[in-house]
PDB file of N, CA and C in Angstrom:
ATOM      1  N   MET A   1       1.038  -1.308  -0.118  1.00  0.00           N
ATOM      2  CA  MET A   1       0.083   0.028   0.425  1.00  0.00           C
ATOM      3  C   MET A   1       1.177   0.930  -0.118  1.00  0.00           C
ATOM      4  N   SER A   2       1.026   2.247  -0.612  1.00  0.00           N
ATOM      5  CA  SER A   2       1.475   3.661  -0.534  1.00  0.00           C
ATOM      6  C   SER A   2       0.865   4.544   0.524  1.00  0.00           C
ATOM      7  N   LYS A   3       1.734   5.483   0.949  1.00  0.00           N
ATOM      8  CA  LYS A   3       2.092   6.518   1.052  1.00  0.00           C
ATOM      9  C   LYS A   3       0.709   7.086   1.506  1.00  0.00           C
ATOM     10  N   GLY A   4       0.451   7.318   0.401  1.00  0.00           N
ATOM     11  CA  GLY A   4      -0.682   8.814  -0.061  1.00  0.00           C
ATOM     12  C   GLY A   4      -2.115   7.702  -0.138  1.00  0.00           C
ATOM     13  N   LYS A   5      -1.504   6.363  -0.184  1.00  0.00           N
ATOM     14  CA  LYS A   5      -3.286   5.504  -0.474  1.00  0.00           C
ATOM     15  C   LYS A   5      -3.584   5.348   1.726  1.00  0.00           C
ATOM     16  N   PHE A   6      -2.359   5.536   2.131  1.00  0.00           N
ATOM     17  CA  PHE A   6      -2.538   4.987   3.302  1.00  0.00           C
ATOM     18  C   PHE A   6      -2.958   6.358   4.269  1.00  0.00           C
ATOM     19  N   ALA A   7      -2.520   7.676   3.342  1.00  0.00           N
ATOM     20  CA  ALA A   7      -2.894   8.794   4.164  1.00  0.00           C
ATOM     21  C   ALA A   7      -4.358   9.040   4.153  1.00  0.00           C
ATOM     22  N   LEU A   8      -4.503   8.780   3.366  1.00  0.00           N
ATOM     23  CA  LEU A   8      -5.791   8.965   2.621  1.00  0.00           C
ATOM     24  C   LEU A   8      -6.706   8.415   3.317  1.00  0.00           C
ATOM     25  N   GLY A   9      -6.713   7.247   3.258  1.00  0.00           N
ATOM     26  CA  GLY A   9      -7.251   6.472   4.538  1.00  0.00           C
ATOM     27  C   GLY A   9      -7.530   6.447   6.014  1.00  0.00           C
ATOM     28  N   ALA A  10      -6.418   7.005   6.313  1.00  0.00           N
ATOM     29  CA  ALA A  10      -6.094   7.752   7.443  1.00  0.00           C
ATOM     30  C   ALA A  10      -7.399   8.858   7.863  1.00  0.00           C
ATOM     31  N   LEU A  11      -6.814  10.069   6.740  1.00  0.00           N
ATOM     32  CA  LEU A  11      -7.867  10.743   6.821  1.00  0.00           C
ATOM     33  C   LEU A  11      -9.154  10.745   6.692  1.00  0.00           C
ATOM     34  N   ILE A  12      -9.588   9.771   5.964  1.00  0.00           N
ATOM     35  CA  ILE A  12     -11.189   9.059   6.046  1.00  0.00           C
ATOM     36  C   ILE A  12     -11.257   8.588   7.289  1.00  0.00           C
ATOM     37  N   GLY A  13     -10.772   8.070   7.426  1.00  0.00           N
ATOM     38  CA  GLY A  13     -10.613   7.166   9.097  1.00  0.00           C
ATOM     39  C   GLY A  13     -11.345   8.004   9.974  1.00  0.00           C
ATOM     40  N   ALA A  14     -10.094   9.137  10.529  1.00  0.00           N
ATOM     41  CA  ALA A  14     -10.226  10.191  11.392  1.00  0.00           C
ATOM     42  C   ALA A  14     -11.267  11.165  11.319  1.00  0.00           C
ATOM     43  N   ALA A  15     -11.835  11.168  10.027  1.00  0.00           N
ATOM     44  CA  ALA A  15     -13.099  12.633   9.906  1.00  0.00           C
ATOM     45  C   ALA A  15     -13.906  11.342  10.188  1.00  0.00           C
ATOM     46  N   ALA A  16     -14.346  10.305   9.704  1.00  0.00           N
ATOM     47  CA  ALA A  16     -15.254   9.061  10.305  1.00  0.00           C
ATOM     48  C   ALA A  16     -15.740   9.249  11.667  1.00  0.00           C
ATOM     49  N   GLY A  17     -14.998   8.833  12.860  1.00  0.00           N
ATOM     50  CA  GLY A  17     -14.327   9.203  14.051  1.00  0.00           C
ATOM     51  C   GLY A  17     -15.236  10.591  14.522  1.00  0.00           C
ATOM     52  N   ILE A  18     -13.877  11.497  13.720  1.00  0.00           N
ATOM     53  CA  ILE A  18     -15.138  12.496  13.970  1.00  0.00           C
ATOM     54  C   ILE A  18     -15.984  12.549  14.412  1.00  0.00           C
ATOM     55  N   VAL A  19     -17.001  12.742  13.144  1.00  0.00           N
ATOM     56  CA  VAL A  19     -18.138  12.306  12.791  1.00  0.00           C
ATOM     57  C   VAL A  19     -18.834  12.199  14.009  1.00  0.00           C
ATOM     58  N   ALA A  20     -18.500  10.247  13.760  1.00  0.00           N
ATOM     59  CA  ALA A  20     -18.897   9.767  14.815  1.00  0.00           C
ATOM     60  C   ALA A  20     -19.071  10.250  16.505  1.00  0.00           C
ATOM     61  N   GLY A  21     -17.784  10.758  16.633  1.00  0.00           N
ATOM     62  CA  GLY A  21     -17.938  11.094  18.163  1.00  0.00           C
ATOM     63  C   GLY A  21     -18.434  12.200  18.349  1.00  0.00           C
ATOM     64  N   VAL A  22     -18.827  13.085  17.718  1.00  0.00           N
ATOM     65  CA  VAL A  22     -19.566  14.591  17.703  1.00  0.00           C
ATOM     66  C   VAL A  22     -21.491  14.073  17.676  1.00  0.00           C
ATOM     67  N   LEU A  23     -21.670  13.318  17.017  1.00  0.00           N
ATOM     68  CA  LEU A  23     -22.878  12.935  16.710  1.00  0.00           C
ATOM     69  C   LEU A  23     -23.457  12.134  17.973  1.00  0.00           C
ATOM     70  N   THR A  24     -22.824  11.613  18.695  1.00  0.00           N
ATOM     71  CA  THR A  24     -23.290  10.562  19.747  1.00  0.00           C
ATOM     72  C   THR A  24     -22.802  11.323  21.107  1.00  0.00           C
ATOM     73  N   ALA A  25     -22.405  12.705  20.819  1.00  0.00           N
ATOM     74  CA  ALA A  25     -21.999  13.422  22.450  1.00  0.00           C
ATOM     75  C   ALA A  25     -23.299  13.727  22.746  1.00  0.00           C
ATOM     76  N   PRO A  26     -23.272  13.950  23.716  1.00  0.00           N
ATOM     77  CA  PRO A  26     -24.869  14.666  24.821  1.00  0.00           C
ATOM     78  C   PRO A  26     -24.345  15.974  24.826  1.00  0.00           C
ATOM     79  N   LYS A  27     -25.198  17.044  23.686  1.00  0.00           N
ATOM     80  CA  LYS A  27     -25.025  18.059  23.235  1.00  0.00           C
ATOM     81  C   LYS A  27     -25.972  18.039  22.785  1.00  0.00           C
ATOM     82  N   SER A  28     -26.623  19.876  22.834  1.00  0.00           N
ATOM     83  CA  SER A  28     -27.668  20.312  22.005  1.00  0.00           C
ATOM     84  C   SER A  28     -27.674  20.254  20.051  1.00  0.00           C
ATOM     85  N   GLY A  29     -28.402  20.296  19.488  1.00  0.00           N
ATOM     86  CA  GLY A  29     -27.938  20.594  18.517  1.00  0.00           C
ATOM     87  C   GLY A  29     -27.396  21.668  17.944  1.00  0.00           C
ATOM     88  N   LYS A  30     -27.560  22.594  18.253  1.00  0.00           N
ATOM     89  CA  LYS A  30     -26.762  23.686  18.072  1.00  0.00           C
ATOM     90  C   LYS A  30     -25.666  23.688  18.662  1.00  0.00           C
ATOM     91  N   GLU A  31     -25.246  22.900  19.913  1.00  0.00           N
ATOM     92  CA  GLU A  31     -23.865  22.687  19.929  1.00  0.00           C
ATOM     93  C   GLU A  31     -23.005  21.999  18.706  1.00  0.00           C
ATOM     94  N   THR A  32     -23.911  20.825  18.884  1.00  0.00           N
ATOM     95  CA  THR A  32     -23.364  19.477  17.642  1.00  0.00           C
ATOM     96  C   THR A  32     -22.796  19.991  16.177  1.00  0.00           C
ATOM     97  N   ARG A  33     -23.938  21.402  15.857  1.00  0.00           N
ATOM     98  CA  ARG A  33     -23.776  22.178  14.433  1.00  0.00           C
ATOM     99  C   ARG A  33     -22.522  22.166  14.561  1.00  0.00           C
ATOM    100  N   ALA A  34     -22.391  23.495  15.404  1.00  0.00           N
ATOM    101  CA  ALA A  34     -20.739  24.267  15.331  1.00  0.00           C
ATOM    102  C   ALA A  34     -19.447  23.439  15.412  1.00  0.00           C
ATOM    103  N   ASP A  35     -19.853  22.050  16.246  1.00  0.00           N
ATOM    104  CA  ASP A  35     -18.846  21.317  16.112  1.00  0.00           C
ATOM    105  C   ASP A  35     -18.374  20.632  15.298  1.00  0.00           C
ATOM    106  N   ILE A  36     -19.390  20.253  14.529  1.00  0.00           N
ATOM    107  CA  ILE A  36     -18.795  19.553  13.419  1.00  0.00           C
ATOM    108  C   ILE A  36     -18.504  20.658  12.452  1.00  0.00           C
ATOM    109  N   LYS A  37     -19.084  21.908  12.070  1.00  0.00           N
ATOM    110  CA  LYS A  37     -18.417  22.829  11.423  1.00  0.00           C
ATOM    111  C   LYS A  37     -17.176  23.231  11.435  1.00  0.00           C
ATOM    112  N   GLU A  38     -16.663  23.684  12.682  1.00  0.00           N
ATOM    113  CA  GLU A  38     -15.152  23.063  13.008  1.00  0.00           C
ATOM    114  C   GLU A  38     -14.368  22.096  12.907  1.00  0.00           C
ATOM    115  N   LYS A  39     -15.093  20.996  12.719  1.00  0.00           N
ATOM    116  CA  LYS A  39     -14.040  20.243  12.393  1.00  0.00           C
ATOM    117  C   LYS A  39     -13.851  20.425  11.218  1.00  0.00           C
ATOM    118  N   ALA A  40     -15.147  20.150  10.430  1.00  0.00           N
ATOM    119  CA  ALA A  40     -15.562  20.396   9.315  1.00  0.00           C
ATOM    120  C   ALA A  40     -13.808  21.319   8.230  1.00  0.00           C
ATOM    121  N   ASN A  41     -13.747  22.790   9.102  1.00  0.00           N
ATOM    122  CA  ASN A  41     -13.285  23.143   9.297  1.00  0.00           C
ATOM    123  C   ASN A  41     -11.126  22.833   9.262  1.00  0.00           C
ATOM    124  N   GLU A  42     -11.447  22.337  10.118  1.00  0.00           N
ATOM    125  CA  GLU A  42     -10.164  21.961  10.050  1.00  0.00           C
ATOM    126  C   GLU A  42      -9.705  20.836   9.089  1.00  0.00           C
ATOM    127  N   LEU A  43     -10.588  20.106   9.050  1.00  0.00           N
ATOM    128  CA  LEU A  43     -10.121  18.945   7.750  1.00  0.00           C
ATOM    129  C   LEU A  43     -10.337  19.200   6.770  1.00  0.00           C
ATOM    130  N   LYS A  44     -11.009  20.633   6.170  1.00  0.00           N
ATOM    131  CA  LYS A  44     -10.733  21.578   4.859  1.00  0.00           C
ATOM    132  C   LYS A  44      -9.005  21.969   4.869  1.00  0.00           C
ATOM    133  N   LYS A  45      -8.389  22.454   5.722  1.00  0.00           N
ATOM    134  CA  LYS A  45      -7.331  23.417   5.798  1.00  0.00           C
ATOM    135  C   LYS A  45      -6.656  22.375   5.879  1.00  0.00           C
ATOM    136  N   GLU A  46      -6.449  21.346   6.660  1.00  0.00           N
ATOM    137  CA  GLU A  46      -5.163  19.826   5.932  1.00  0.00           C
ATOM    138  C   GLU A  46      -5.213  18.778   4.928  1.00  0.00           C
ATOM    139  N   ALA A  47      -6.786  19.357   4.353  1.00  0.00           N
ATOM    140  CA  ALA A  47      -6.604  18.966   2.966  1.00  0.00           C
ATOM    141  C   ALA A  47      -6.385  19.803   1.593  1.00  0.00           C
ATOM    142  N   GLU A  48      -6.696  21.198   2.348  1.00  0.00           N
ATOM    143  CA  GLU A  48      -5.505  22.309   1.464  1.00  0.00           C
ATOM    144  C   GLU A  48      -3.873  21.920   1.740  1.00  0.00           C
ATOM    145  N   LYS A  49      -3.270  21.910   2.670  1.00  0.00           N
ATOM    146  CA  LYS A  49      -2.114  21.679   2.929  1.00  0.00           C
ATOM    147  C   LYS A  49      -1.448  20.987   2.307  1.00  0.00           C
ATOM    148  N   ARG A  50      -2.504  19.424   2.320  1.00  0.00           N
ATOM    149  CA  ARG A  50      -1.961  18.188   1.468  1.00  0.00           C
ATOM    150  C   ARG A  50      -1.413  18.372  -0.274  1.00  0.00           C
ATOM    151  N   SER A  51      -2.720  19.122  -0.176  1.00  0.00           N
ATOM    152  CA  SER A  51      -2.827  19.822  -1.980  1.00  0.00           C
ATOM    153  C   SER A  51      -2.222  20.504  -2.293  1.00  0.00           C
ATOM    154  N   LYS A  52      -1.594  21.372  -1.809  1.00  0.00           N
ATOM    155  CA  LYS A  52      -0.533  22.327  -2.414  1.00  0.00           C
ATOM    156  C   LYS A  52       0.801  21.893  -1.861  1.00  0.00           C
ATOM    157  N   ALA A  53       0.800  20.642  -0.934  1.00  0.00           N
ATOM    158  CA  ALA A  53       2.586  19.987  -0.961  1.00  0.00           C
ATOM    159  C   ALA A  53       1.715  18.818  -2.408  1.00  0.00           C
ATOM    160  N   ALA A  54       1.405  18.928  -3.018  1.00  0.00           N
ATOM    161  CA  ALA A  54       0.783  17.518  -3.549  1.00  0.00           C
ATOM    162  C   ALA A  54       1.106  18.612  -4.692  1.00  0.00           C
ATOM    163  N   LYS A  55       1.016  19.459  -5.344  1.00  0.00           N
ATOM    164  CA  LYS A  55       0.728  20.641  -6.351  1.00  0.00           C
ATOM    165  C   LYS A  55       2.082  20.467  -6.168  1.00  0.00           C
ATOM    166  N   ALA A  56       2.969  21.182  -5.300  1.00  0.00           N
ATOM    167  CA  ALA A  56       4.374  21.332  -5.693  1.00  0.00           C
ATOM    168  C   ALA A  56       4.670  20.041  -5.684  1.00  0.00           C
ATOM    169  N   LYS A  57       5.502  18.819  -4.864  1.00  0.00           N
ATOM    170  CA  LYS A  57       5.713  18.146  -5.963  1.00  0.00           C
ATOM    171  C   LYS A  57       5.672  17.621  -6.889  1.00  0.00           C
ATOM    172  N   ALA A  58       4.423  17.799  -7.800  1.00  0.00           N
ATOM    173  CA  ALA A  58       3.888  17.526  -8.969  1.00  0.00           C
ATOM    174  C   ALA A  58       4.739  18.474 -10.317  1.00  0.00           C
ATOM    175  N   GLU A  59       4.403  19.257  -9.633  1.00  0.00           N
ATOM    176  CA  GLU A  59       5.239  20.602 -10.039  1.00  0.00           C
ATOM    177  C   GLU A  59       7.103  20.033 -10.256  1.00  0.00           C
ATOM    178  N   ASP A  60       7.970  20.295  -9.120  1.00  0.00           N
ATOM    179  CA  ASP A  60       9.006  19.206  -9.103  1.00  0.00           C
ATOM    180  C   ASP A  60       9.606  17.735  -9.801  1.00  0.00           C
ATOM    181  N   TYR A  61       8.280  17.502 -10.190  1.00  0.00           N
ATOM    182  CA  TYR A  61       8.584  16.009 -10.392  1.00  0.00           C
ATOM    183  C   TYR A  61       8.629  16.792 -12.685  1.00  0.00           C
ATOM    184  N   LYS A  62       7.579  17.400 -12.897  1.00  0.00           N
ATOM    185  CA  LYS A  62       7.721  18.087 -14.332  1.00  0.00           C
ATOM    186  C   LYS A  62       8.662  18.619 -14.344  1.00  0.00           C
ATOM    187  N   GLU A  63       9.157  19.532 -13.699  1.00  0.00           N
ATOM    188  CA  GLU A  63      10.309  20.331 -14.131  1.00  0.00           C
ATOM    189  C   GLU A  63      11.615  19.400 -14.549  1.00  0.00           C
ATOM    190  N   ARG A  64      11.800  18.049 -13.817  1.00  0.00           N
ATOM    191  CA  ARG A  64      12.861  17.269 -13.841  1.00  0.00           C
ATOM    192  C   ARG A  64      12.358  16.073 -14.936  1.00  0.00           C
ATOM    193  N   SER A  65      11.802  16.274 -15.269  1.00  0.00           N
ATOM    194  CA  SER A  65      10.688  14.892 -16.076  1.00  0.00           C
ATOM    195  C   SER A  65      11.866  16.738 -17.311  1.00  0.00           C
ATOM    196  N   GLU A  66      11.429  17.286 -17.132  1.00  0.00           N
ATOM    197  CA  GLU A  66      11.763  18.228 -19.031  1.00  0.00           C
ATOM    198  C   GLU A  66      12.766  18.827 -18.990  1.00  0.00           C
ATOM    199  N   ARG A  67      13.516  18.773 -18.117  1.00  0.00           N
ATOM    200  CA  ARG A  67      15.577  18.968 -17.996  1.00  0.00           C
ATOM    201  C   ARG A  67      15.945  17.697 -18.641  1.00  0.00           C
ATOM    202  N   ALA A  68      14.922  16.462 -18.138  1.00  0.00           N
ATOM    203  CA  ALA A  68      15.696  15.068 -18.362  1.00  0.00           C
ATOM    204  C   ALA A  68      15.755  14.939 -20.266  1.00  0.00           C
ATOM    205  N   ALA A  69      14.362  15.554 -19.998  1.00  0.00           N
ATOM    206  CA  ALA A  69      13.881  14.495 -21.454  1.00  0.00           C
ATOM    207  C   ALA A  69      14.814  16.031 -22.849  1.00  0.00           C
ATOM    208  N   LYS A  70      14.874  17.319 -21.895  1.00  0.00           N
ATOM    209  CA  LYS A  70      15.845  18.021 -22.720  1.00  0.00           C
ATOM    210  C   LYS A  70      17.230  17.352 -23.289  1.00  0.00           C
ATOM    211  N   GLY A  71      18.006  16.832 -21.704  1.00  0.00           N
ATOM    212  CA  GLY A  71      18.863  16.575 -22.395  1.00  0.00           C
ATOM    213  C   GLY A  71      19.080  15.400 -23.413  1.00  0.00           C
ATOM    214  N   ALA A  72      18.720  14.214 -22.922  1.00  0.00           N
ATOM    215  CA  ALA A  72      18.330  13.041 -23.555  1.00  0.00           C
ATOM    216  C   ALA A  72      18.313  13.443 -25.340  1.00  0.00           C
ATOM    217  N   VAL A  73      17.138  14.826 -25.523  1.00  0.00           N
ATOM    218  CA  VAL A  73      16.958  15.318 -26.610  1.00  0.00           C
ATOM    219  C   VAL A  73      18.348  15.546 -27.033  1.00  0.00           C
ATOM    220  N   GLU A  74      19.122  16.322 -26.810  1.00  0.00           N
ATOM    221  CA  GLU A  74      20.335  17.553 -26.852  1.00  0.00           C
ATOM    222  C   GLU A  74      21.876  16.540 -27.355  1.00  0.00           C
ATOM    223  N   GLY A  75      21.623  15.133 -25.407  1.00  0.00           N
ATOM    224  CA  GLY A  75      22.613  14.423 -26.348  1.00  0.00           C
ATOM    225  C   GLY A  75      22.112  13.300 -27.335  1.00  0.00           C
ATOM    226  N   ALA A  76      20.813  13.165 -27.942  1.00  0.00           N
ATOM    227  CA  ALA A  76      20.904  12.414 -29.051  1.00  0.00           C
ATOM    228  C   ALA A  76      21.200  12.748 -30.176  1.00  0.00           C
ATOM    229  N   LYS A  77      20.940  14.558 -30.666  1.00  0.00           N
ATOM    230  CA  LYS A  77      21.501  15.492 -31.159  1.00  0.00           C
ATOM    231  C   LYS A  77      22.899  15.324 -31.513  1.00  0.00           C
ATOM    232  N   GLN A  78      23.386  15.145 -30.864  1.00  0.00           N
ATOM    233  CA  GLN A  78      24.781  15.243 -30.815  1.00  0.00           C
ATOM    234  C   GLN A  78      25.410  14.015 -30.697  1.00  0.00           C
ATOM    235  N   GLY A  79      24.994  12.838 -30.578  1.00  0.00           N
ATOM    236  CA  GLY A  79      25.853  11.497 -30.841  1.00  0.00           C
ATOM    237  C   GLY A  79      25.173  10.919 -32.508  1.00  0.00           C
ATOM    238  N   PHE A  80      23.626  12.268 -33.063  1.00  0.00           N
ATOM    239  CA  PHE A  80      23.776  11.820 -34.327  1.00  0.00           C
ATOM    240  C   PHE A  80      25.122  13.016 -35.194  1.00  0.00           C
ATOM    241  N   ALA A  81      24.759  13.617 -34.621  1.00  0.00           N
ATOM    242  CA  ALA A  81      25.967  14.534 -35.423  1.00  0.00           C
ATOM    243  C   ALA A  81      27.776  14.224 -35.211  1.00  0.00           C
ATOM    244  N   ASP A  82      28.012  13.804 -34.641  1.00  0.00           N
ATOM    245  CA  ASP A  82      29.370  13.264 -34.236  1.00  0.00           C
ATOM    246  C   ASP A  82      29.590  12.084 -35.218  1.00  0.00           C
ATOM    247  N   LYS A  83      28.005  10.912 -35.414  1.00  0.00           N
ATOM    248  CA  LYS A  83      28.273   9.597 -36.526  1.00  0.00           C
ATOM    249  C   LYS A  83      28.482  10.733 -37.432  1.00  0.00           C
ATOM    250  N   LYS A  84      27.756  12.038 -37.928  1.00  0.00           N
ATOM    251  CA  LYS A  84      28.143  12.408 -39.582  1.00  0.00           C
ATOM    252  C   LYS A  84      29.627  12.759 -40.152  1.00  0.00           C
TER     253      LYS A  84
END
């Protein structure tokens, strides 16, 4: 199992646990809704943080791949030029 899948499963499991805990707590409806809203905002912030990190990592991989491809093309061109 990859780290990403595990992290996603852990995040979903945590969210389900939070919701279950909030819904079974002996609080008024108003308090329960406030708790749910607060937890939803926390999860949203965490998801945004992870999304930004994943986007940055993908951009880094893209740039590395482009540099590697450009280097390979230049190397191939040079190799063909040397054979002429």
